[in-house]
C-alpha atoms as a PDB file:
ATOM      1  CA  MET A   1     157.402  42.514   8.859  1.00  0.00           C
ATOM      2  CA  ARG A   2     158.626  45.483  11.100  1.00  0.00           C
ATOM      3  CA  LEU A   3     157.835  45.818  14.214  1.00  0.00           C
ATOM      4  CA  PRO A   4     156.340  49.056  15.764  1.00  0.00           C
ATOM      5  CA  LYS A   5     159.178  51.230  17.930  1.00  0.00           C
ATOM      6  CA  ILE A   6     157.330  51.161  20.554  1.00  0.00           C
ATOM      7  CA  SER A   7     156.781  47.304  20.400  1.00  0.00           C
ATOM      8  CA  LEU A   8     160.698  47.076  20.045  1.00  0.00           C
ATOM      9  CA  LEU A   9     161.259  49.325  22.939  1.00  0.00           C
ATOM     10  CA  ARG A  10     159.193  47.293  25.432  1.00  0.00           C
ATOM     11  CA  THR A  11     160.568  43.916  24.002  1.00  0.00           C
ATOM     12  CA  GLY A  12     164.111  45.291  25.004  1.00  0.00           C
ATOM     13  CA  ALA A  13     162.891  46.540  28.093  1.00  0.00           C
ATOM     14  CA  LEU A  14     161.485  43.109  29.040  1.00  0.00           C
ATOM     15  CA  VAL A  15     164.858  41.183  28.729  1.00  0.00           C
ATOM     16  CA  PRO A  16     166.828  43.094  31.737  1.00  0.00           C
ATOM     17  CA  ALA A  17     164.093  42.167  34.036  1.00  0.00           C
ATOM     18  CA  ALA A  18     163.757  38.660  32.514  1.00  0.00           C
ATOM     19  CA  ILE A  19     167.232  38.131  33.130  1.00  0.00           C
ATOM     20  CA  ALA A  20     167.054  40.059  36.917  1.00  0.00           C
ATOM     21  CA  LEU A  21     164.010  37.290  37.806  1.00  0.00           C
ATOM     22  CA  THR A  22     166.116  34.695  36.784  1.00  0.00           C
ATOM     23  CA  LEU A  23     169.145  35.341  38.474  1.00  0.00           C
ATOM     24  CA  ALA A  24     167.107  36.094  41.824  1.00  0.00           C
ATOM     25  CA  ALA A  25     165.679  32.516  41.322  1.00  0.00           C
ATOM     26  CA  CYS A  26     169.236  31.423  40.831  1.00  0.00           C
ATOM     27  CA  SER A  27     170.483  33.138  43.909  1.00  0.00           C
ATOM     28  CA  GLU A  28     167.444  31.481  46.435  1.00  0.00           C
ATOM     29  CA  PRO A  29     168.887  28.873  48.692  1.00  0.00           C
ATOM     30  CA  GLU A  30     167.342  25.533  47.770  1.00  0.00           C
ATOM     31  CA  PRO A  31     165.301  24.748  50.647  1.00  0.00           C
ATOM     32  CA  PRO A  32     165.814  21.170  52.804  1.00  0.00           C
ATOM     33  CA  LYS A  33     164.280  18.122  52.217  1.00  0.00           C
ATOM     34  CA  ILE A  34     163.101  17.723  55.628  1.00  0.00           C
ATOM     35  CA  GLY A  35     160.311  15.053  56.682  1.00  0.00           C
ATOM     36  CA  PHE A  36     157.587  15.677  59.401  1.00  0.00           C
ATOM     37  CA  ALA A  37     155.376  13.449  60.979  1.00  0.00           C
ATOM     38  CA  PRO A  38     151.648  13.721  60.050  1.00  0.00           C
ATOM     39  CA  TYR A  39     149.350  15.277  62.037  1.00  0.00           C
ATOM     40  CA  ASP A  40     146.417  17.495  62.364  1.00  0.00           C
ATOM     41  CA  LYS A  41     144.969  19.863  65.391  1.00  0.00           C
ATOM     42  CA  SER A  42     143.949  17.312  67.607  1.00  0.00           C
ATOM     43  CA  HIS A  43     147.101  16.544  70.234  1.00  0.00           C
ATOM     44  CA  GLN A  44     146.092  12.851  69.711  1.00  0.00           C
ATOM     45  CA  SER A  45     147.135  13.088  66.357  1.00  0.00           C
ATOM     46  CA  LYS A  46     150.968  13.935  66.912  1.00  0.00           C
ATOM     47  CA  MET A  47     153.593  11.220  67.164  1.00  0.00           C
ATOM     48  CA  ASP A  48     155.507  10.719  70.053  1.00  0.00           C
ATOM     49  CA  LEU A  49     158.744  12.701  69.795  1.00  0.00           C
ATOM     50  CA  ALA A  50     160.964   9.582  70.064  1.00  0.00           C
ATOM     51  CA  GLN A  51     159.064   8.035  66.693  1.00  0.00           C
ATOM     52  CA  VAL A  52     159.373  11.055  65.560  1.00  0.00           C
ATOM     53  CA  ASP A  53     163.562  11.120  66.057  1.00  0.00           C
ATOM     54  CA  TYR A  54     163.603   7.408  65.161  1.00  0.00           C
ATOM     55  CA  LYS A  55     161.553   7.402  61.870  1.00  0.00           C
ATOM     56  CA  TYR A  56     162.373  10.774  60.464  1.00  0.00           C
ATOM     57  CA  PRO A  57     166.391  11.210  60.608  1.00  0.00           C
ATOM     58  CA  ILE A  58     167.966  14.577  58.778  1.00  0.00           C
ATOM     59  CA  ALA A  59     170.419  14.392  56.719  1.00  0.00           C
ATOM     60  CA  THR A  60     173.750  16.147  57.251  1.00  0.00           C
ATOM     61  CA  ALA A  61     173.395  18.148  54.243  1.00  0.00           C
ATOM     62  CA  GLU A  62     169.907  19.288  54.884  1.00  0.00           C
ATOM     63  CA  LEU A  63     170.699  20.562  58.373  1.00  0.00           C
ATOM     64  CA  ALA A  64     173.224  22.321  56.641  1.00  0.00           C
ATOM     65  CA  LYS A  65     170.491  24.501  53.901  1.00  0.00           C
ATOM     66  CA  ILE A  66     168.523  25.568  56.831  1.00  0.00           C
ATOM     67  CA  THR A  67     167.840  29.204  57.109  1.00  0.00           C
ATOM     68  CA  PRO A  68     166.043  31.636  59.326  1.00  0.00           C
ATOM     69  CA  ASP A  69     163.959  32.368  56.590  1.00  0.00           C
ATOM     70  CA  TYR A  70     162.891  28.534  56.191  1.00  0.00           C
ATOM     71  CA  LEU A  71     162.329  28.316  59.778  1.00  0.00           C
ATOM     72  CA  ALA A  72     160.149  30.893  60.031  1.00  0.00           C
ATOM     73  CA  LYS A  73     157.794  28.934  57.111  1.00  0.00           C
ATOM     74  CA  LEU A  74     157.124  26.491  59.524  1.00  0.00           C
ATOM     75  CA  ASP A  75     153.881  25.655  62.100  1.00  0.00           C
ATOM     76  CA  GLN A  76     154.951  25.065  65.663  1.00  0.00           C
ATOM     77  CA  GLU A  77     154.302  21.551  65.173  1.00  0.00           C
ATOM     78  CA  GLN A  78     156.819  21.227  62.774  1.00  0.00           C
ATOM     79  CA  LEU A  79     159.623  23.170  64.818  1.00  0.00           C
ATOM     80  CA  ASP A  80     158.902  20.825  67.770  1.00  0.00           C
ATOM     81  CA  GLN A  81     159.576  17.711  65.909  1.00  0.00           C
ATOM     82  CA  LEU A  82     162.558  19.392  64.253  1.00  0.00           C
ATOM     83  CA  TYR A  83     163.716  20.781  67.673  1.00  0.00           C
ATOM     84  CA  ALA A  84     163.524  17.181  68.880  1.00  0.00           C
ATOM     85  CA  ARG A  85     165.705  15.777  66.767  1.00  0.00           C
ATOM     86  CA  LEU A  86     168.442  17.877  67.581  1.00  0.00           C
ATOM     87  CA  THR A  87     171.422  17.464  70.198  1.00  0.00           C
ATOM     88  CA  ALA A  88     172.606  20.546  72.157  1.00  0.00           C
ATOM     89  CA  GLY A  89     175.980  20.437  70.459  1.00  0.00           C
ATOM     90  CA  PRO A  90     178.825  22.318  72.023  1.00  0.00           C
ATOM     91  CA  ILE A  91     177.832  25.281  74.583  1.00  0.00           C
ATOM     92  CA  PRO A  92     178.651  28.351  72.184  1.00  0.00           C
ATOM     93  CA  ASP A  93     181.441  31.321  73.024  1.00  0.00           C
ATOM     94  CA  GLY A  94     181.186  34.599  71.293  1.00  0.00           C
ATOM     95  CA  ALA A  95     178.232  36.626  69.956  1.00  0.00           C
ATOM     96  CA  PHE A  96     175.413  35.436  67.915  1.00  0.00           C
ATOM     97  CA  ASP A  97     172.984  37.118  65.864  1.00  0.00           C
ATOM     98  CA  GLY A  98     169.213  36.628  66.954  1.00  0.00           C
ATOM     99  CA  ARG A  99     165.960  36.187  65.467  1.00  0.00           C
ATOM    100  CA  ILE A 100     162.853  35.624  67.133  1.00  0.00           C
ATOM    101  CA  LEU A 101     160.213  33.222  65.521  1.00  0.00           C
ATOM    102  CA  LEU A 102     156.745  34.052  66.898  1.00  0.00           C
ATOM    103  CA  PRO A 103     154.184  31.354  67.136  1.00  0.00           C
ATOM    104  CA  ARG A 104     150.582  31.612  66.440  1.00  0.00           C
ATOM    105  CA  GLY A 105     147.780  30.830  68.939  1.00  0.00           C
ATOM    106  CA  GLU A 106     144.295  29.306  68.006  1.00  0.00           C
ATOM    107  CA  SER A 107     142.785  32.553  68.709  1.00  0.00           C
ATOM    108  CA  GLY A 108     144.804  34.259  66.410  1.00  0.00           C
ATOM    109  CA  LYS A 109     146.703  36.339  68.294  1.00  0.00           C
ATOM    110  CA  PHE A 110     150.791  35.670  69.418  1.00  0.00           C
ATOM    111  CA  ARG A 111     150.711  33.036  71.763  1.00  0.00           C
ATOM    112  CA  LEU A 112     153.307  35.125  73.282  1.00  0.00           C
ATOM    113  CA  SER A 113     150.741  37.824  74.464  1.00  0.00           C
ATOM    114  CA  GLU A 114     148.077  35.628  75.735  1.00  0.00           C
ATOM    115  CA  ILE A 115     150.730  34.432  77.869  1.00  0.00           C
ATOM    116  CA  VAL A 116     151.943  37.411  79.295  1.00  0.00           C
ATOM    117  CA  GLY A 117     147.920  38.815  79.809  1.00  0.00           C
ATOM    118  CA  GLY A 118     148.094  35.756  82.227  1.00  0.00           C
ATOM    119  CA  PHE A 119     150.449  37.299  84.538  1.00  0.00           C
ATOM    120  CA  ALA A 120     149.874  39.472  87.228  1.00  0.00           C
ATOM    121  CA  GLY A 121     151.632  42.852  88.117  1.00  0.00           C
ATOM    122  CA  THR A 122     152.500  45.540  86.012  1.00  0.00           C
ATOM    123  CA  ALA A 123     156.080  44.728  85.491  1.00  0.00           C
ATOM    124  CA  LEU A 124     155.003  41.174  83.580  1.00  0.00           C
ATOM    125  CA  HIS A 125     152.381  43.200  81.426  1.00  0.00           C
ATOM    126  CA  LEU A 126     155.271  45.861  80.689  1.00  0.00           C
ATOM    127  CA  LYS A 127     152.975  48.339  81.280  1.00  0.00           C
ATOM    128  CA  GLY A 128     151.074  48.031  77.766  1.00  0.00           C
ATOM    129  CA  LEU A 129     153.519  47.832  75.413  1.00  0.00           C
ATOM    130  CA  VAL A 130     153.149  44.936  73.138  1.00  0.00           C
ATOM    131  CA  ILE A 131     155.654  42.381  73.946  1.00  0.00           C
ATOM    132  CA  GLU A 132     156.515  40.630  70.306  1.00  0.00           C
ATOM    133  CA  GLU A 133     157.498  44.690  69.300  1.00  0.00           C
ATOM    134  CA  VAL A 134     159.485  45.326  72.334  1.00  0.00           C
ATOM    135  CA  GLY A 135     161.503  42.059  71.986  1.00  0.00           C
ATOM    136  CA  GLU A 136     162.104  42.769  68.093  1.00  0.00           C
ATOM    137  CA  THR A 137     162.814  46.553  68.055  1.00  0.00           C
ATOM    138  CA  LEU A 138     165.053  45.961  71.172  1.00  0.00           C
ATOM    139  CA  TRP A 139     166.832  42.526  70.911  1.00  0.00           C
ATOM    140  CA  ARG A 140     169.438  41.578  68.158  1.00  0.00           C
ATOM    141  CA  GLY A 141     171.052  38.234  69.679  1.00  0.00           C
ATOM    142  CA  LYS A 142     173.002  37.144  72.576  1.00  0.00           C
ATOM    143  CA  VAL A 143     176.737  36.851  73.862  1.00  0.00           C
ATOM    144  CA  PHE A 144     178.064  33.699  75.173  1.00  0.00           C
ATOM    145  CA  PHE A 145     180.785  33.895  78.130  1.00  0.00           C
ATOM    146  CA  ARG A 146     181.497  29.988  77.705  1.00  0.00           C
ATOM    147  CA  ASP A 147     184.342  29.704  80.305  1.00  0.00           C
ATOM    148  CA  GLU A 148     182.199  32.158  83.201  1.00  0.00           C
ATOM    149  CA  ARG A 149     179.044  30.140  81.837  1.00  0.00           C
ATOM    150  CA  VAL A 150     177.262  33.142  81.624  1.00  0.00           C
ATOM    151  CA  LEU A 151     175.459  35.195  78.711  1.00  0.00           C
ATOM    152  CA  ARG A 152     174.369  38.495  77.868  1.00  0.00           C
ATOM    153  CA  ASN A 153     171.653  40.015  75.300  1.00  0.00           C
ATOM    154  CA  ARG A 154     172.650  42.265  72.730  1.00  0.00           C
ATOM    155  CA  ILE A 155     170.607  45.496  73.038  1.00  0.00           C
ATOM    156  CA  GLU A 156     170.934  48.173  70.779  1.00  0.00           C
ATOM    157  CA  ASP A 157     167.613  50.222  71.645  1.00  0.00           C
ATOM    158  CA  LEU A 158     166.188  51.042  75.072  1.00  0.00           C
ATOM    159  CA  SER A 159     164.154  53.823  74.166  1.00  0.00           C
ATOM    160  CA  LEU A 160     160.987  51.615  74.652  1.00  0.00           C
ATOM    161  CA  LEU A 161     161.795  50.435  78.038  1.00  0.00           C
ATOM    162  CA  LYS A 162     162.777  54.082  78.989  1.00  0.00           C
ATOM    163  CA  LYS A 163     159.237  55.535  78.082  1.00  0.00           C
ATOM    164  CA  ALA A 164     157.836  52.790  79.830  1.00  0.00           C
ATOM    165  CA  GLY A 165     159.682  53.765  83.028  1.00  0.00           C
ATOM    166  CA  LEU A 166     161.279  50.490  83.310  1.00  0.00           C
ATOM    167  CA  VAL A 167     164.886  51.752  83.021  1.00  0.00           C
ATOM    168  CA  GLU A 168     167.021  53.922  85.902  1.00  0.00           C
ATOM    169  CA  GLY A 169     169.715  55.782  85.021  1.00  0.00           C
ATOM    170  CA  ASP A 170     171.530  55.334  82.389  1.00  0.00           C
ATOM    171  CA  PRO A 171     172.671  51.201  81.802  1.00  0.00           C
ATOM    172  CA  LYS A 172     176.674  51.104  80.949  1.00  0.00           C
ATOM    173  CA  LYS A 173     177.772  50.073  77.777  1.00  0.00           C
ATOM    174  CA  MET A 174     179.957  47.646  77.058  1.00  0.00           C
ATOM    175  CA  ASN A 175     182.618  47.314  74.398  1.00  0.00           C
ATOM    176  CA  TYR A 176     182.180  43.783  72.490  1.00  0.00           C
ATOM    177  CA  GLY A 177     183.531  43.102  69.217  1.00  0.00           C
ATOM    178  CA  GLY A 178     185.038  46.658  68.792  1.00  0.00           C
ATOM    179  CA  LYS A 179     181.480  48.308  69.213  1.00  0.00           C
ATOM    180  CA  GLU A 180     179.759  50.010  71.908  1.00  0.00           C
ATOM    181  CA  THR A 181     176.498  48.251  72.976  1.00  0.00           C
ATOM    182  CA  TRP A 182     174.171  47.298  75.872  1.00  0.00           C
ATOM    183  CA  LEU A 183     175.241  43.714  76.970  1.00  0.00           C
ATOM    184  CA  LEU A 184     171.943  43.399  79.241  1.00  0.00           C
ATOM    185  CA  PHE A 185     169.872  40.826  80.901  1.00  0.00           C
ATOM    186  CA  PRO A 186     172.783  38.349  82.133  1.00  0.00           C
ATOM    187  CA  ALA A 187     171.836  34.961  82.674  1.00  0.00           C
ATOM    188  CA  LYS A 188     173.605  31.614  84.250  1.00  0.00           C
ATOM    189  CA  LEU A 189     174.387  28.905  81.468  1.00  0.00           C
ATOM    190  CA  TYR A 190     174.693  25.215  81.850  1.00  0.00           C
ATOM    191  CA  CYS A 191     173.349  21.770  80.342  1.00  0.00           C
ATOM    192  CA  GLY A 192     169.910  20.832  81.812  1.00  0.00           C
ATOM    193  CA  GLN A 193     166.854  18.814  80.654  1.00  0.00           C
ATOM    194  CA  SER A 194     164.610  20.216  78.038  1.00  0.00           C
ATOM    195  CA  LEU A 195     161.127  21.356  78.623  1.00  0.00           C
ATOM    196  CA  LEU A 196     159.864  20.078  75.550  1.00  0.00           C
ATOM    197  CA  ASP A 197     161.842  16.635  75.028  1.00  0.00           C
ATOM    198  CA  ALA A 198     163.656  15.100  78.040  1.00  0.00           C
ATOM    199  CA  ARG A 199     165.383  12.189  75.991  1.00  0.00           C
ATOM    200  CA  ARG A 200     168.058  14.213  75.922  1.00  0.00           C
ATOM    201  CA  GLU A 201     169.826  17.553  77.117  1.00  0.00           C
ATOM    202  CA  SER A 202     169.766  20.912  75.931  1.00  0.00           C
ATOM    203  CA  ILE A 203     171.876  23.917  76.825  1.00  0.00           C
ATOM    204  CA  ILE A 204     170.041  26.055  79.345  1.00  0.00           C
ATOM    205  CA  ILE A 205     169.923  29.981  79.202  1.00  0.00           C
ATOM    206  CA  ASP A 206     168.347  30.535  83.243  1.00  0.00           C
ATOM    207  CA  TYR A 207     167.395  34.157  84.042  1.00  0.00           C
ATOM    208  CA  PHE A 208     165.963  33.122  87.628  1.00  0.00           C
ATOM    209  CA  PHE A 209     169.014  34.177  89.590  1.00  0.00           C
ATOM    210  CA  SER A 210     170.301  36.885  87.167  1.00  0.00           C
ATOM    211  CA  ASP A 211     170.831  39.168  90.197  1.00  0.00           C
ATOM    212  CA  GLU A 212     173.668  37.003  91.130  1.00  0.00           C
ATOM    213  CA  ILE A 213     175.885  37.701  88.263  1.00  0.00           C
ATOM    214  CA  ALA A 214     178.440  40.561  88.208  1.00  0.00           C
ATOM    215  CA  GLY A 215     176.991  43.604  86.409  1.00  0.00           C
ATOM    216  CA  TYR A 216     173.649  42.980  87.415  1.00  0.00           C
ATOM    217  CA  GLN A 217     171.993  46.181  86.401  1.00  0.00           C
ATOM    218  CA  GLU A 218     168.437  46.207  88.844  1.00  0.00           C
ATOM    219  CA  LYS A 219     166.623  48.227  85.949  1.00  0.00           C
ATOM    220  CA  PRO A 220     165.973  46.786  83.451  1.00  0.00           C
ATOM    221  CA  ASP A 221     167.664  43.584  84.370  1.00  0.00           C
ATOM    222  CA  TYR A 222     165.057  42.911  86.746  1.00  0.00           C
ATOM    223  CA  LEU A 223     162.414  42.168  84.053  1.00  0.00           C
ATOM    224  CA  ALA A 224     163.932  38.649  83.230  1.00  0.00           C
ATOM    225  CA  GLY A 225     164.598  37.377  86.277  1.00  0.00           C
ATOM    226  CA  ARG A 226     162.756  35.922  89.293  1.00  0.00           C
ATOM    227  CA  ARG A 227     160.591  39.214  89.906  1.00  0.00           C
ATOM    228  CA  GLY A 228     159.923  39.483  86.410  1.00  0.00           C
ATOM    229  CA  LEU A 229     159.334  37.728  83.569  1.00  0.00           C
ATOM    230  CA  ARG A 230     161.281  34.572  85.043  1.00  0.00           C
ATOM    231  CA  VAL A 231     162.733  33.829  81.397  1.00  0.00           C
ATOM    232  CA  ARG A 232     164.303  30.078  80.839  1.00  0.00           C
ATOM    233  CA  ASP A 233     165.462  29.802  77.362  1.00  0.00           C
ATOM    234  CA  GLU A 234     166.987  26.554  75.847  1.00  0.00           C
ATOM    235  CA  ILE A 235     168.551  25.782  72.785  1.00  0.00           C
ATOM    236  CA  ARG A 236     170.131  23.114  70.345  1.00  0.00           C
ATOM    237  CA  MET A 237     172.126  23.164  67.448  1.00  0.00           C
ATOM    238  CA  ILE A 238     171.088  22.653  63.871  1.00  0.00           C
ATOM    239  CA  ARG A 239     174.998  22.720  62.865  1.00  0.00           C
ATOM    240  CA  PRO A 240     177.751  24.340  64.359  1.00  0.00           C
ATOM    241  CA  GLY A 241     177.637  28.067  64.773  1.00  0.00           C
ATOM    242  CA  PHE A 242     173.298  28.151  64.471  1.00  0.00           C
ATOM    243  CA  TYR A 243     171.159  27.296  67.157  1.00  0.00           C
ATOM    244  CA  LEU A 244     166.970  26.808  67.698  1.00  0.00           C
ATOM    245  CA  GLY A 245     165.922  27.994  70.731  1.00  0.00           C
ATOM    246  CA  ARG A 246     162.491  28.334  72.750  1.00  0.00           C
ATOM    247  CA  ALA A 247     162.045  30.510  75.565  1.00  0.00           C
ATOM    248  CA  TYR A 248     159.939  30.102  78.497  1.00  0.00           C
ATOM    249  CA  LEU A 249     158.319  32.377  80.596  1.00  0.00           C
ATOM    250  CA  ASP A 250     157.673  30.771  84.094  1.00  0.00           C
ATOM    251  CA  ARG A 251     157.943  27.649  82.439  1.00  0.00           C
ATOM    252  CA  GLY A 252     155.151  28.420  80.202  1.00  0.00           C
ATOM    253  CA  PHE A 253     156.343  28.073  76.446  1.00  0.00           C
ATOM    254  CA  ALA A 254     156.228  31.706  74.729  1.00  0.00           C
ATOM    255  CA  LEU A 255     158.553  32.014  71.148  1.00  0.00           C
ATOM    256  CA  ASN A 256     161.149  30.102  69.319  1.00  0.00           C
ATOM    257  CA  PHE A 257     163.940  32.097  68.080  1.00  0.00           C
ATOM    258  CA  THR A 258     167.502  31.585  65.956  1.00  0.00           C
ATOM    259  CA  LEU A 259     171.286  31.920  66.882  1.00  0.00           C
ATOM    260  CA  HIS A 260     173.775  32.445  64.149  1.00  0.00           C
ATOM    261  CA  ASP A 261     177.239  33.218  64.358  1.00  0.00           C
ATOM    262  CA  ARG A 262     178.246  33.327  60.334  1.00  0.00           C
ATOM    263  CA  ALA A 263     181.939  32.891  60.781  1.00  0.00           C
ATOM    264  CA  THR A 264     181.561  29.613  62.921  1.00  0.00           C
ATOM    265  CA  ASP A 265     178.804  28.450  60.637  1.00  0.00           C
ATOM    266  CA  ASP A 266     181.007  28.858  57.346  1.00  0.00           C
ATOM    267  CA  LYS A 267     184.121  27.314  58.905  1.00  0.00           C
ATOM    268  CA  ALA A 268     182.379  24.264  60.122  1.00  0.00           C
ATOM    269  CA  ARG A 269     179.662  23.423  57.437  1.00  0.00           C
ATOM    270  CA  GLU A 270     181.565  21.183  55.010  1.00  0.00           C
ATOM    271  CA  ASP A 271     182.962  19.050  57.897  1.00  0.00           C
ATOM    272  CA  PHE A 272     179.534  18.509  59.994  1.00  0.00           C
ATOM    273  CA  VAL A 273     178.197  17.361  56.759  1.00  0.00           C
ATOM    274  CA  LYS A 274     180.783  14.937  55.969  1.00  0.00           C
ATOM    275  CA  THR A 275     180.583  13.922  58.957  1.00  0.00           C
ATOM    276  CA  GLY A 276     178.239  14.639  61.118  1.00  0.00           C
ATOM    277  CA  LYS A 277     180.516  14.971  64.168  1.00  0.00           C
ATOM    278  CA  VAL A 278     180.445  17.335  66.890  1.00  0.00           C
ATOM    279  CA  GLN A 279     181.519  17.858  70.398  1.00  0.00           C
ATOM    280  CA  GLU A 280     178.622  17.204  72.858  1.00  0.00           C
ATOM    281  CA  GLU A 281     179.051  18.948  75.931  1.00  0.00           C
ATOM    282  CA  CYS A 282     175.424  18.004  77.364  1.00  0.00           C
ATOM    283  CA  TRP A 283     173.882  14.407  77.438  1.00  0.00           C
ATOM    284  CA  PRO A 284     172.505  13.392  74.293  1.00  0.00           C
ATOM    285  CA  GLY A 285     170.536  10.307  75.938  1.00  0.00           C
ATOM    286  CA  THR A 286     170.036   7.089  75.388  1.00  0.00           C
ATOM    287  CA  GLN A 287     168.290   6.838  71.903  1.00  0.00           C
ATOM    288  CA  THR A 288     170.521   6.945  69.346  1.00  0.00           C
ATOM    289  CA  ARG A 289     170.428   9.651  67.393  1.00  0.00           C
ATOM    290  CA  THR A 290     170.200   8.797  63.101  1.00  0.00           C
ATOM    291  CA  LEU A 291     172.177  11.320  61.314  1.00  0.00           C
ATOM    292  CA  ALA A 292     173.207  10.539  57.634  1.00  0.00           C
ATOM    293  CA  ALA A 293     176.309  12.199  56.895  1.00  0.00           C
ATOM    294  CA  ALA A 294     177.121  13.024  53.063  1.00  0.00           C
ATOM    295  CA  ALA A 295     180.086  10.452  52.018  1.00  0.00           C
ATOM    296  CA  SER A 296     183.698  12.313  51.415  1.00  0.00           C
END
């Protein structure tokens, strides 16, 4: 029996659509198999981070599968447990692309807004601006000047801050990587104690004394410093070229973020999966980190 012509047309149209869906599914990265200690809403249910580190080791092959999209699907407890099982690794050098991962508070609002809302002063309230939108609109990543132990943030749009009167004059742009961009909000770079997990050090990005760094521009750089939000970041390495970070405002946890240098990641990933070895420049702590490397 012959099918009606319209049916043949519809069937023919479905074939390329099905192929496209199949290819899209195949192109999606395989999610990592990472275990997490069980917990519920009560703080008492959460396992000590030293026990999480011991009971739930992560294989290097699974660390190699982690992406910013995967991290964005985790809740805050899972991100905390993951961060606690990482070490600082080498202090980065050069430009990294950034992505903000915002936790949600119990009220349903972003925790970051709740923290900033508790501060006093128009500078800390950012004059009515929604701070999540400011961060996601302006911030594109960080540039590490490793030898100088200094960091600057990659900013591509100052319009929101200018409208709020938080920028004075026309801040100078810098040429980095062949591109003209604003490198603002300088910070000091060093190894130091993690505010989440004191068992081992993290790489600290400290804005408190940013006004002492060469190239400091009062407005808008003061916003991150001791007369502003008092920002303090810390990062640990997921794998070479890829870091998970935590941002604090006046020592209150605000948000998570990722930093990614694709070139370093692509170059070093295979060796890291095989050996699990990296240059540790910060104190790795006394608890032995269990890291299962793949067989050569």
